[in-house]
C-alpha atoms as a PDB file:
ATOM      1  CA  MET A   1       0.000   0.000   0.000  1.00  0.00           C
ATOM      2  CA  THR A   2       1.371   3.405  -0.887  1.00  0.00           C
ATOM      3  CA  SER A   3       0.902   6.755   0.812  1.00  0.00           C
ATOM      4  CA  GLU A   4       2.913   9.899   1.422  1.00  0.00           C
ATOM      5  CA  LEU A   5       4.752   8.171   4.250  1.00  0.00           C
ATOM      6  CA  PRO A   6       6.495   5.449   2.201  1.00  0.00           C
ATOM      7  CA  GLU A   7       7.713   8.127  -0.213  1.00  0.00           C
ATOM      8  CA  LYS A   8       9.134  10.011   2.725  1.00  0.00           C
ATOM      9  CA  ARG A   9      10.572   6.833   4.191  1.00  0.00           C
ATOM     10  CA  PHE A  10      12.385   5.884   0.986  1.00  0.00           C
ATOM     11  CA  GLY A  11      12.853   9.336  -0.532  1.00  0.00           C
ATOM     12  CA  ARG A  12      16.572   9.478   0.199  1.00  0.00           C
ATOM     13  CA  VAL A  13      17.141   6.327  -1.847  1.00  0.00           C
ATOM     14  CA  ASP A  14      15.707   8.097  -4.900  1.00  0.00           C
ATOM     15  CA  SER A  15      17.791  11.221  -4.396  1.00  0.00           C
ATOM     16  CA  ILE A  16      20.990   9.207  -4.003  1.00  0.00           C
ATOM     17  CA  ALA A  17      20.261   7.134  -7.101  1.00  0.00           C
ATOM     18  CA  THR A  18      19.500  10.259  -9.114  1.00  0.00           C
ATOM     19  CA  ALA A  19      22.807  11.785  -8.056  1.00  0.00           C
ATOM     20  CA  LEU A  20      24.587   8.628  -9.173  1.00  0.00           C
ATOM     21  CA  VAL A  21      23.249   8.456 -12.717  1.00  0.00           C
ATOM     22  CA  SER A  22      26.154  10.421 -14.135  1.00  0.00           C
ATOM     23  CA  LYS A  23      28.632   8.030 -12.521  1.00  0.00           C
ATOM     24  CA  GLY A  24      26.673   4.946 -13.487  1.00  0.00           C
ATOM     25  CA  THR A  25      28.750   2.393 -11.595  1.00  0.00           C
ATOM     26  CA  GLN A  26      26.986  -0.269  -9.572  1.00  0.00           C
ATOM     27  CA  ARG A  27      29.772  -0.185  -7.003  1.00  0.00           C
ATOM     28  CA  ASP A  28      29.012   3.478  -6.283  1.00  0.00           C
ATOM     29  CA  MET A  29      25.351   2.592  -5.996  1.00  0.00           C
ATOM     30  CA  TYR A  30      26.182  -0.119  -3.454  1.00  0.00           C
ATOM     31  CA  ASP A  31      28.477   2.104  -1.425  1.00  0.00           C
ATOM     32  CA  ARG A  32      26.219   5.153  -1.274  1.00  0.00           C
ATOM     33  CA  LEU A  33      22.940   3.333  -0.670  1.00  0.00           C
ATOM     34  CA  SER A  34      24.335   0.963   1.930  1.00  0.00           C
ATOM     35  CA  LEU A  35      25.537   3.949   3.936  1.00  0.00           C
ATOM     36  CA  GLU A  36      22.240   5.816   3.776  1.00  0.00           C
ATOM     37  CA  GLN A  37      19.470   3.310   4.170  1.00  0.00           C
ATOM     38  CA  ASP A  38      16.174   4.661   5.411  1.00  0.00           C
ATOM     39  CA  ARG A  39      15.607   2.558   8.485  1.00  0.00           C
ATOM     40  CA  PRO A  40      13.569   3.283  11.621  1.00  0.00           C
ATOM     41  CA  GLN A  41      15.880   5.097  14.009  1.00  0.00           C
ATOM     42  CA  MET A  42      15.976   3.793  17.567  1.00  0.00           C
ATOM     43  CA  ARG A  43      16.254   7.331  18.939  1.00  0.00           C
ATOM     44  CA  ASP A  44      12.754   7.993  17.585  1.00  0.00           C
ATOM     45  CA  PHE A  45      11.265   5.462  20.036  1.00  0.00           C
ATOM     46  CA  LEU A  46      11.893   7.343  23.274  1.00  0.00           C
ATOM     47  CA  ASP A  47       8.116   7.561  23.643  1.00  0.00           C
ATOM     48  CA  VAL A  48       8.031   3.747  23.812  1.00  0.00           C
ATOM     49  CA  TYR A  49      11.317   2.665  25.428  1.00  0.00           C
ATOM     50  CA  SER A  50      13.575   4.222  28.043  1.00  0.00           C
ATOM     51  CA  ALA A  51      16.765   5.989  27.019  1.00  0.00           C
ATOM     52  CA  GLN A  52      18.725   3.312  28.883  1.00  0.00           C
ATOM     53  CA  GLU A  53      17.047   0.470  26.965  1.00  0.00           C
ATOM     54  CA  ILE A  54      17.694   2.170  23.631  1.00  0.00           C
ATOM     55  CA  ALA A  55      21.310   2.777  24.647  1.00  0.00           C
ATOM     56  CA  THR A  56      21.662  -0.922  25.473  1.00  0.00           C
ATOM     57  CA  ASP A  57      20.270  -1.894  22.066  1.00  0.00           C
ATOM     58  CA  THR A  58      22.552   0.619  20.366  1.00  0.00           C
ATOM     59  CA  LYS A  59      25.562  -0.965  22.074  1.00  0.00           C
ATOM     60  CA  ARG A  60      24.361  -4.378  20.921  1.00  0.00           C
ATOM     61  CA  VAL A  61      24.286  -3.158  17.314  1.00  0.00           C
ATOM     62  CA  GLU A  62      27.823  -1.814  17.736  1.00  0.00           C
ATOM     63  CA  GLN A  63      28.951  -5.182  19.116  1.00  0.00           C
ATOM     64  CA  LEU A  64      27.482  -7.062  16.168  1.00  0.00           C
ATOM     65  CA  GLU A  65      29.020  -4.640  13.685  1.00  0.00           C
ATOM     66  CA  ARG A  66      32.371  -4.959  15.441  1.00  0.00           C
ATOM     67  CA  LYS A  67      32.127  -8.753  15.356  1.00  0.00           C
ATOM     68  CA  PHE A  68      31.581  -8.643  11.607  1.00  0.00           C
ATOM     69  CA  GLY A  69      34.664  -6.455  11.272  1.00  0.00           C
ATOM     70  CA  GLU A  70      36.705  -8.846  13.387  1.00  0.00           C
ATOM     71  CA  ASP A  71      35.539 -11.796  11.301  1.00  0.00           C
ATOM     72  CA  ILE A  72      36.628  -9.922   8.179  1.00  0.00           C
ATOM     73  CA  GLU A  73      40.071  -9.275   9.662  1.00  0.00           C
ATOM     74  CA  ARG A  74      40.620 -13.008  10.204  1.00  0.00           C
ATOM     75  CA  MET A  75      39.996 -13.749   6.533  1.00  0.00           C
ATOM     76  CA  SER A  76      42.484 -13.637   3.698  1.00  0.00           C
ATOM     77  CA  ALA A  77      42.577 -10.324   1.842  1.00  0.00           C
ATOM     78  CA  HIS A  78      40.663 -11.772  -1.105  1.00  0.00           C
ATOM     79  CA  SER A  79      37.997 -13.449   1.049  1.00  0.00           C
ATOM     80  CA  ALA A  80      37.625 -10.321   3.171  1.00  0.00           C
ATOM     81  CA  GLU A  81      37.034  -8.179   0.108  1.00  0.00           C
ATOM     82  CA  LEU A  82      34.467 -10.619  -1.274  1.00  0.00           C
ATOM     83  CA  SER A  83      32.655 -10.877   2.071  1.00  0.00           C
ATOM     84  CA  ALA A  84      32.521  -7.111   2.601  1.00  0.00           C
ATOM     85  CA  GLU A  85      31.333  -6.529  -0.956  1.00  0.00           C
ATOM     86  CA  ALA A  86      28.666  -9.222  -0.669  1.00  0.00           C
ATOM     87  CA  ARG A  87      27.366  -7.593   2.481  1.00  0.00           C
ATOM     88  CA  GLU A  88      27.206  -4.185   0.823  1.00  0.00           C
ATOM     89  CA  GLN A  89      25.365  -5.634  -2.151  1.00  0.00           C
ATOM     90  CA  ALA A  90      22.912  -7.467   0.093  1.00  0.00           C
ATOM     91  CA  GLU A  91      22.182  -4.293   2.067  1.00  0.00           C
ATOM     92  CA  VAL A  92      21.427  -2.361  -1.115  1.00  0.00           C
ATOM     93  CA  ALA A  93      19.266  -5.173  -2.463  1.00  0.00           C
ATOM     94  CA  GLU A  94      17.318  -5.301   0.812  1.00  0.00           C
ATOM     95  CA  THR A  95      16.753  -1.543   0.747  1.00  0.00           C
ATOM     96  CA  LEU A  96      15.584  -1.508  -2.851  1.00  0.00           C
ATOM     97  CA  LEU A  97      13.371  -4.556  -2.435  1.00  0.00           C
ATOM     98  CA  ALA A  98      11.619  -2.938   0.526  1.00  0.00           C
ATOM     99  CA  LYS A  99      11.165   0.279  -1.443  1.00  0.00           C
ATOM    100  CA  LEU A 100       9.981  -1.358  -4.655  1.00  0.00           C
ATOM    101  CA  ALA A 101       7.718  -3.859  -2.904  1.00  0.00           C
ATOM    102  CA  GLU A 102       5.970  -0.982  -1.156  1.00  0.00           C
ATOM    103  CA  LEU A 103       5.743   1.548  -3.961  1.00  0.00           C
ATOM    104  CA  ASN A 104       4.724  -1.025  -6.592  1.00  0.00           C
ATOM    105  CA  ASN A 105       2.289  -2.886  -4.329  1.00  0.00           C
ATOM    106  CA  TRP A 106       4.071  -6.186  -4.957  1.00  0.00           C
ATOM    107  CA  LEU A 107       2.263  -7.721  -1.978  1.00  0.00           C
ATOM    108  CA  GLY A 108      -1.031  -5.966  -2.661  1.00  0.00           C
ATOM    109  CA  ASP A 109      -2.588  -2.616  -1.861  1.00  0.00           C
ATOM    110  CA  GLN A 110      -3.916  -3.734   1.535  1.00  0.00           C
ATOM    111  CA  VAL A 111      -0.533  -4.027   3.265  1.00  0.00           C
ATOM    112  CA  PHE A 112       2.509  -1.872   3.962  1.00  0.00           C
ATOM    113  CA  VAL A 113       6.115  -3.025   3.584  1.00  0.00           C
ATOM    114  CA  HIS A 114       8.706  -1.583   5.986  1.00  0.00           C
ATOM    115  CA  GLN A 115      12.453  -1.857   6.205  1.00  0.00           C
ATOM    116  CA  THR A 116      13.553  -2.733   9.733  1.00  0.00           C
ATOM    117  CA  SER A 117      15.830  -0.970  12.197  1.00  0.00           C
ATOM    118  CA  LYS A 118      19.491  -1.909  12.393  1.00  0.00           C
ATOM    119  CA  PHE A 119      18.772  -3.644  15.712  1.00  0.00           C
ATOM    120  CA  ASP A 120      16.008  -5.809  14.284  1.00  0.00           C
ATOM    121  CA  ASP A 121      18.124  -6.556  11.214  1.00  0.00           C
ATOM    122  CA  LEU A 122      21.261  -7.660  13.052  1.00  0.00           C
ATOM    123  CA  GLU A 123      19.856  -8.995  16.332  1.00  0.00           C
ATOM    124  CA  ARG A 124      16.558 -10.470  15.172  1.00  0.00           C
ATOM    125  CA  LYS A 125      17.502 -11.323  11.585  1.00  0.00           C
ATOM    126  CA  THR A 126      14.625  -9.369  10.071  1.00  0.00           C
ATOM    127  CA  ASP A 127      15.156  -7.293   6.938  1.00  0.00           C
ATOM    128  CA  MET A 128      11.574  -6.251   6.161  1.00  0.00           C
ATOM    129  CA  VAL A 129       8.163  -6.310   7.817  1.00  0.00           C
ATOM    130  CA  VAL A 130       4.793  -6.725   6.130  1.00  0.00           C
ATOM    131  CA  GLU A 131       2.158  -4.782   8.070  1.00  0.00           C
ATOM    132  CA  PHE A 132      -1.528  -5.741   7.982  1.00  0.00           C
ATOM    133  CA  ASP A 133      -4.543  -3.792   9.168  1.00  0.00           C
ATOM    134  CA  PRO A 134      -5.683  -5.501  12.395  1.00  0.00           C
ATOM    135  CA  GLU A 135      -9.255  -5.028  11.201  1.00  0.00           C
ATOM    136  CA  ASP A 136      -8.423  -7.295   8.249  1.00  0.00           C
ATOM    137  CA  VAL A 137      -6.581 -10.041  10.123  1.00  0.00           C
ATOM    138  CA  GLY A 138      -8.165  -9.853  13.578  1.00  0.00           C
ATOM    139  CA  LYS A 139      -5.163  -8.756  15.678  1.00  0.00           C
ATOM    140  CA  GLN A 140      -1.868  -6.853  15.574  1.00  0.00           C
ATOM    141  CA  LEU A 141       0.319  -9.339  13.737  1.00  0.00           C
ATOM    142  CA  GLY A 142       2.808  -8.904  10.896  1.00  0.00           C
ATOM    143  CA  ILE A 143       5.151 -10.982   8.778  1.00  0.00           C
ATOM    144  CA  SER A 144       8.919 -10.578   9.069  1.00  0.00           C
ATOM    145  CA  LEU A 145      11.035 -11.275   5.997  1.00  0.00           C
ATOM    146  CA  ASP A 146      14.588 -12.576   6.313  1.00  0.00           C
ATOM    147  CA  LEU A 147      16.111 -12.169   2.851  1.00  0.00           C
ATOM    148  CA  THR A 148      18.619 -14.757   1.690  1.00  0.00           C
ATOM    149  CA  PHE A 149      20.487 -14.323  -1.576  1.00  0.00           C
ATOM    150  CA  GLY A 150      22.015 -17.141  -3.610  1.00  0.00           C
ATOM    151  CA  THR A 151      23.094 -17.830  -7.159  1.00  0.00           C
ATOM    152  CA  GLN A 152      22.376 -20.597  -9.606  1.00  0.00           C
ATOM    153  CA  LYS A 153      25.999 -21.727  -9.196  1.00  0.00           C
ATOM    154  CA  ALA A 154      26.063 -21.495  -5.418  1.00  0.00           C
ATOM    155  CA  SER A 155      22.668 -22.583  -4.158  1.00  0.00           C
ATOM    156  CA  ASN A 156      24.466 -24.344  -1.308  1.00  0.00           C
ATOM    157  CA  LYS A 157      24.584 -20.907   0.370  1.00  0.00           C
ATOM    158  CA  LEU A 158      20.963 -21.644   1.231  1.00  0.00           C
ATOM    159  CA  GLY A 159      21.783 -24.888   2.981  1.00  0.00           C
ATOM    160  CA  SER A 160      20.945 -23.457   6.397  1.00  0.00           C
ATOM    161  CA  ILE A 161      17.335 -22.687   5.487  1.00  0.00           C
ATOM    162  CA  SER A 162      16.069 -25.963   6.919  1.00  0.00           C
ATOM    163  CA  ASP A 163      17.707 -25.156  10.268  1.00  0.00           C
ATOM    164  CA  THR A 164      16.310 -21.629  10.109  1.00  0.00           C
ATOM    165  CA  LEU A 165      12.796 -22.934   9.567  1.00  0.00           C
ATOM    166  CA  ASN A 166      13.190 -25.339  12.475  1.00  0.00           C
ATOM    167  CA  SER A 167      14.245 -22.396  14.641  1.00  0.00           C
ATOM    168  CA  ASP A 168      11.298 -20.332  13.406  1.00  0.00           C
ATOM    169  CA  ILE A 169       8.839 -23.099  14.250  1.00  0.00           C
ATOM    170  CA  SER A 170      10.308 -23.224  17.760  1.00  0.00           C
ATOM    171  CA  LYS A 171      10.009 -19.441  18.118  1.00  0.00           C
ATOM    172  CA  GLU A 172       6.432 -19.495  16.870  1.00  0.00           C
ATOM    173  CA  ARG A 173       5.528 -22.210  19.324  1.00  0.00           C
ATOM    174  CA  LEU A 174       6.859 -20.057  22.140  1.00  0.00           C
ATOM    175  CA  GLY A 175       5.447 -16.830  20.678  1.00  0.00           C
ATOM    176  CA  LYS A 176       8.851 -15.124  20.685  1.00  0.00           C
ATOM    177  CA  SER A 177       9.028 -13.809  17.123  1.00  0.00           C
ATOM    178  CA  SER A 178       8.761 -10.036  17.098  1.00  0.00           C
ATOM    179  CA  VAL A 179      10.180  -6.804  15.751  1.00  0.00           C
ATOM    180  CA  LYS A 180      11.097  -4.282  18.437  1.00  0.00           C
ATOM    181  CA  TYR A 181      11.347  -0.971  16.583  1.00  0.00           C
ATOM    182  CA  PHE A 182       8.155  -0.817  14.558  1.00  0.00           C
ATOM    183  CA  ASN A 183       6.365   2.368  13.485  1.00  0.00           C
ATOM    184  CA  PRO A 184       2.926   1.517  12.074  1.00  0.00           C
ATOM    185  CA  GLU A 185       1.011   2.965   9.162  1.00  0.00           C
ATOM    186  CA  PHE A 186      -2.376   1.543  10.179  1.00  0.00           C
ATOM    187  CA  LYS A 187      -4.022   3.372  13.068  1.00  0.00           C
ATOM    188  CA  GLY A 188      -5.053   0.115  14.720  1.00  0.00           C
ATOM    189  CA  ASN A 189      -1.447  -0.971  15.236  1.00  0.00           C
ATOM    190  CA  LYS A 190       0.698   0.265  18.112  1.00  0.00           C
ATOM    191  CA  LYS A 191       4.205   1.671  17.868  1.00  0.00           C
ATOM    192  CA  GLY A 192       7.003  -0.425  19.312  1.00  0.00           C
ATOM    193  CA  GLN A 193       6.928  -4.214  19.593  1.00  0.00           C
ATOM    194  CA  LEU A 194       5.193  -6.087  16.762  1.00  0.00           C
ATOM    195  CA  GLU A 195       4.523  -9.802  16.924  1.00  0.00           C
ATOM    196  CA  VAL A 196       5.430 -11.384  13.594  1.00  0.00           C
ATOM    197  CA  VAL A 197       5.328 -14.625  11.674  1.00  0.00           C
ATOM    198  CA  PRO A 198       8.976 -15.207  10.574  1.00  0.00           C
ATOM    199  CA  VAL A 199       9.434 -16.007   6.890  1.00  0.00           C
ATOM    200  CA  VAL A 200      12.617 -16.742   4.927  1.00  0.00           C
ATOM    201  CA  ILE A 201      12.731 -15.247   1.418  1.00  0.00           C
ATOM    202  CA  GLY A 202      15.213 -16.686  -1.067  1.00  0.00           C
ATOM    203  CA  ILE A 203      16.120 -14.656  -4.151  1.00  0.00           C
ATOM    204  CA  ASP A 204      18.701 -15.427  -6.809  1.00  0.00           C
ATOM    205  CA  PHE A 205      21.351 -12.733  -6.513  1.00  0.00           C
ATOM    206  CA  ASP A 206      21.680 -12.372 -10.285  1.00  0.00           C
ATOM    207  CA  ARG A 207      17.954 -11.615 -10.368  1.00  0.00           C
ATOM    208  CA  ALA A 208      18.354  -9.060  -7.589  1.00  0.00           C
ATOM    209  CA  ASN A 209      21.277  -7.456  -9.429  1.00  0.00           C
ATOM    210  CA  ASP A 210      19.180  -7.246 -12.586  1.00  0.00           C
ATOM    211  CA  LEU A 211      16.519  -5.383 -10.618  1.00  0.00           C
ATOM    212  CA  ILE A 212      19.119  -2.970  -9.214  1.00  0.00           C
ATOM    213  CA  GLU A 213      20.359  -2.287 -12.733  1.00  0.00           C
ATOM    214  CA  LYS A 214      16.807  -1.622 -13.935  1.00  0.00           C
ATOM    215  CA  TYR A 215      16.269   0.748 -11.021  1.00  0.00           C
ATOM    216  CA  THR A 216      19.502   2.585 -11.807  1.00  0.00           C
ATOM    217  CA  SER A 217      18.456   2.781 -15.459  1.00  0.00           C
ATOM    218  CA  GLU A 218      15.072   4.168 -14.433  1.00  0.00           C
ATOM    219  CA  LYS A 219      16.699   6.990 -12.465  1.00  0.00           C
ATOM    220  CA  ARG A 220      19.054   7.773 -15.352  1.00  0.00           C
ATOM    221  CA  LEU A 221      16.185   7.875 -17.864  1.00  0.00           C
ATOM    222  CA  ALA A 222      14.032   9.960 -15.519  1.00  0.00           C
ATOM    223  CA  ALA A 223      16.855  12.507 -15.305  1.00  0.00           C
ATOM    224  CA  ARG A 224      17.063  12.609 -19.121  1.00  0.00           C
ATOM    225  CA  VAL A 225      13.328  13.155 -19.490  1.00  0.00           C
ATOM    226  CA  LYS A 226      13.331  15.862 -16.839  1.00  0.00           C
ATOM    227  CA  GLU A 227      16.168  17.627 -18.601  1.00  0.00           C
ATOM    228  CA  ASN A 228      14.556  17.260 -22.033  1.00  0.00           C
ATOM    229  CA  PRO A 229      10.790  16.518 -21.896  1.00  0.00           C
ATOM    230  CA  LYS A 230      10.729  16.224 -25.706  1.00  0.00           C
ATOM    231  CA  ASP A 231      13.108  13.246 -25.691  1.00  0.00           C
ATOM    232  CA  GLY A 232      10.565  10.700 -26.871  1.00  0.00           C
ATOM    233  CA  THR A 233      13.030   7.818 -26.950  1.00  0.00           C
ATOM    234  CA  ALA A 234      14.006   8.320 -23.305  1.00  0.00           C
ATOM    235  CA  ALA A 235      10.350   8.714 -22.295  1.00  0.00           C
ATOM    236  CA  LYS A 236       9.429   5.444 -24.005  1.00  0.00           C
ATOM    237  CA  LEU A 237      12.342   3.589 -22.429  1.00  0.00           C
ATOM    238  CA  LEU A 238      11.450   5.063 -19.039  1.00  0.00           C
ATOM    239  CA  SER A 239       7.873   3.813 -19.320  1.00  0.00           C
ATOM    240  CA  GLU A 240       9.034   0.355 -20.365  1.00  0.00           C
ATOM    241  CA  THR A 241      11.580   0.151 -17.551  1.00  0.00           C
ATOM    242  CA  ARG A 242       9.011   1.147 -14.937  1.00  0.00           C
ATOM    243  CA  LYS A 243       6.625  -1.526 -16.205  1.00  0.00           C
ATOM    244  CA  GLU A 244       9.397  -4.119 -15.994  1.00  0.00           C
ATOM    245  CA  ILE A 245      10.134  -3.144 -12.392  1.00  0.00           C
ATOM    246  CA  GLU A 246       6.467  -3.173 -11.431  1.00  0.00           C
ATOM    247  CA  ALA A 247       6.003  -6.625 -12.984  1.00  0.00           C
ATOM    248  CA  SER A 248       9.299  -8.121 -11.785  1.00  0.00           C
ATOM    249  CA  PRO A 249       9.141 -11.912 -11.262  1.00  0.00           C
ATOM    250  CA  ILE A 250      10.483 -11.219  -7.775  1.00  0.00           C
ATOM    251  CA  ARG A 251       7.006 -10.134  -6.681  1.00  0.00           C
ATOM    252  CA  LYS A 252       5.561 -13.582  -7.421  1.00  0.00           C
ATOM    253  CA  ILE A 253       8.576 -15.298  -5.889  1.00  0.00           C
ATOM    254  CA  ILE A 254       8.122 -13.383  -2.624  1.00  0.00           C
ATOM    255  CA  LEU A 255       4.372 -13.976  -2.586  1.00  0.00           C
ATOM    256  CA  ARG A 256       4.659 -17.699  -3.224  1.00  0.00           C
ATOM    257  CA  GLU A 257       7.398 -18.173  -0.637  1.00  0.00           C
ATOM    258  CA  ILE A 258       5.403 -16.258   2.000  1.00  0.00           C
ATOM    259  CA  ILE A 259       2.211 -18.204   1.251  1.00  0.00           C
ATOM    260  CA  ALA A 260       4.042 -21.548   1.423  1.00  0.00           C
ATOM    261  CA  GLN A 261       5.507 -20.700   4.824  1.00  0.00           C
ATOM    262  CA  LEU A 262       2.201 -19.406   6.161  1.00  0.00           C
ATOM    263  CA  ASP A 263       0.724 -22.760   5.150  1.00  0.00           C
ATOM    264  CA  MET A 264       3.580 -24.420   7.037  1.00  0.00           C
ATOM    265  CA  PHE A 265       2.940 -22.406  10.205  1.00  0.00           C
ATOM    266  CA  ILE A 266      -0.830 -22.896  10.020  1.00  0.00           C
ATOM    267  CA  ARG A 267      -0.323 -26.651   9.619  1.00  0.00           C
ATOM    268  CA  THR A 268       2.333 -26.837  12.336  1.00  0.00           C
ATOM    269  CA  GLY A 269       0.512 -24.415  14.609  1.00  0.00           C
ATOM    270  CA  SER A 270      -2.642 -26.483  14.609  1.00  0.00           C
ATOM    271  CA  ARG A 271      -0.652 -29.583  15.573  1.00  0.00           C
ATOM    272  CA  LEU A 272       1.379 -27.774  18.260  1.00  0.00           C
ATOM    273  CA  HIS A 273      -1.611 -25.889  19.625  1.00  0.00           C
ATOM    274  CA  PHE A 274      -0.703 -22.305  18.761  1.00  0.00           C
ATOM    275  CA  PRO A 275      -3.263 -19.781  20.058  1.00  0.00           C
ATOM    276  CA  GLY A 276      -6.429 -20.038  17.985  1.00  0.00           C
ATOM    277  CA  ASP A 277      -6.614 -16.309  17.259  1.00  0.00           C
ATOM    278  CA  LYS A 278      -3.092 -16.356  15.856  1.00  0.00           C
ATOM    279  CA  ILE A 279      -3.845 -19.256  13.535  1.00  0.00           C
ATOM    280  CA  GLU A 280      -6.977 -17.476  12.327  1.00  0.00           C
ATOM    281  CA  SER A 281      -4.977 -14.296  11.688  1.00  0.00           C
ATOM    282  CA  MET A 282      -2.406 -16.256   9.696  1.00  0.00           C
ATOM    283  CA  LYS A 283      -5.203 -17.807   7.635  1.00  0.00           C
ATOM    284  CA  LYS A 284      -6.572 -14.340   6.845  1.00  0.00           C
ATOM    285  CA  MET A 285      -3.090 -13.119   5.882  1.00  0.00           C
ATOM    286  CA  ARG A 286      -2.735 -16.106   3.609  1.00  0.00           C
ATOM    287  CA  GLU A 287      -6.111 -15.458   1.990  1.00  0.00           C
ATOM    288  CA  MET A 288      -5.237 -11.818   1.290  1.00  0.00           C
ATOM    289  CA  LEU A 289      -1.845 -12.590  -0.227  1.00  0.00           C
ATOM    290  CA  PHE A 290      -3.172 -15.516  -2.252  1.00  0.00           C
ATOM    291  CA  ALA A 291      -5.990 -13.352  -3.645  1.00  0.00           C
ATOM    292  CA  HIS A 292      -3.396 -10.792  -4.742  1.00  0.00           C
ATOM    293  CA  LEU A 293      -1.232 -13.495  -6.331  1.00  0.00           C
ATOM    294  CA  GLU A 294      -4.262 -14.772  -8.238  1.00  0.00           C
ATOM    295  CA  SER A 295      -5.070 -11.230  -9.394  1.00  0.00           C
ATOM    296  CA  LEU A 296      -1.673 -11.013 -11.102  1.00  0.00           C
ATOM    297  CA  GLY A 297      -2.813 -13.657 -13.562  1.00  0.00           C
ATOM    298  CA  GLU A 298      -0.804 -16.308 -15.341  1.00  0.00           C
ATOM    299  CA  ASN A 299       2.237 -15.581 -17.450  1.00  0.00           C
ATOM    300  CA  PRO A 300       3.553 -18.898 -18.828  1.00  0.00           C
ATOM    301  CA  ALA A 301       7.030 -17.555 -19.658  1.00  0.00           C
ATOM    302  CA  GLU A 302       7.415 -15.867 -16.273  1.00  0.00           C
ATOM    303  CA  ASP A 303       5.952 -18.819 -14.371  1.00  0.00           C
ATOM    304  CA  ASP A 304       8.301 -21.258 -16.146  1.00  0.00           C
ATOM    305  CA  GLU A 305      11.220 -18.980 -15.300  1.00  0.00           C
ATOM    306  CA  ILE A 306      10.252 -19.028 -11.626  1.00  0.00           C
ATOM    307  CA  GLN A 307       9.779 -22.795 -11.607  1.00  0.00           C
ATOM    308  CA  ASN A 308      13.308 -23.197 -12.953  1.00  0.00           C
ATOM    309  CA  ASP A 309      14.788 -20.845 -10.341  1.00  0.00           C
ATOM    310  CA  THR A 310      17.194 -22.902  -8.203  1.00  0.00           C
ATOM    311  CA  VAL A 311      16.961 -20.601  -5.181  1.00  0.00           C
ATOM    312  CA  PHE A 312      13.160 -20.522  -5.265  1.00  0.00           C
ATOM    313  CA  ASN A 313      13.024 -24.312  -5.561  1.00  0.00           C
ATOM    314  CA  HIS A 314      15.454 -24.695  -2.673  1.00  0.00           C
ATOM    315  CA  ILE A 315      13.200 -22.606  -0.437  1.00  0.00           C
ATOM    316  CA  MET A 316      10.028 -24.406  -1.508  1.00  0.00           C
ATOM    317  CA  PHE A 317      11.621 -27.819  -1.015  1.00  0.00           C
ATOM    318  CA  ALA A 318      12.845 -26.881   2.479  1.00  0.00           C
ATOM    319  CA  VAL A 319       9.353 -25.696   3.402  1.00  0.00           C
ATOM    320  CA  SER A 320       7.707 -28.824   1.988  1.00  0.00           C
ATOM    321  CA  GLN A 321       9.780 -31.007   4.345  1.00  0.00           C
ATOM    322  CA  LYS A 322       8.275 -29.345   7.411  1.00  0.00           C
ATOM    323  CA  ARG A 323       5.276 -31.381   8.517  1.00  0.00           C
END
């Protein structure tokens, strides 16, 4: 769902990308965007948490960042460079996916997509949150998305997904999955802690890179059209690029992976006696997302492409093994 607030939330991403169009290098895009992500700021939650609690969480973020730096230092120079670059790329991809999912209504026009705070990202392994209107799903409950990137040649990077899902089932059973620094769009939701259903999203990194390149191209073309409104070629290319972004196969991949894992939690939750109201809320979430997926219609070429996606299949197989 879009409003003035998501534009404000992600506006800096647009301005940075526009400033980069003359340079045109993806590395610059990674560096600049990863440094200026629009995340919820912990200091803006003093009306919810004490200054001491926020300071404690801030120190925890610093510890986790420092640990990553120490891990890098123990690597060979080549491995360290690859690891640092991969992290930068992942951060940019996460930022853009949150922005594009929200502004293009990839998950439907009845939900909001948020990027998470640094604390929730590093400590609680949550990159994005899908917010639902409690009037639609019966209670304040969201979906957290933990993005995992892989490649066709290195799908073994996703080998820990099965363990992650086992952990998520355990957390759900105990009701411990939540995002701490959450600022709602729907009036019925409260600021602060948000209970969530944890979902793992697997995306081929080449596909994510292709989306980043399209986004960069869109900003470059938009600058050309703004400078010369009579440039019909640029205007046509801009329109085509925006349509490609809006209809990216990633939207169906995310939807199908979320729906599959909601099915898993509903099935597991019934067997492990999750609270009835939570199971009902998850069913309503599933119905809403499935209705949106159905509304996108069939595209044989796109659907075949998704079915042949190694990362997508790895996720779906891991989920199917959870009974």
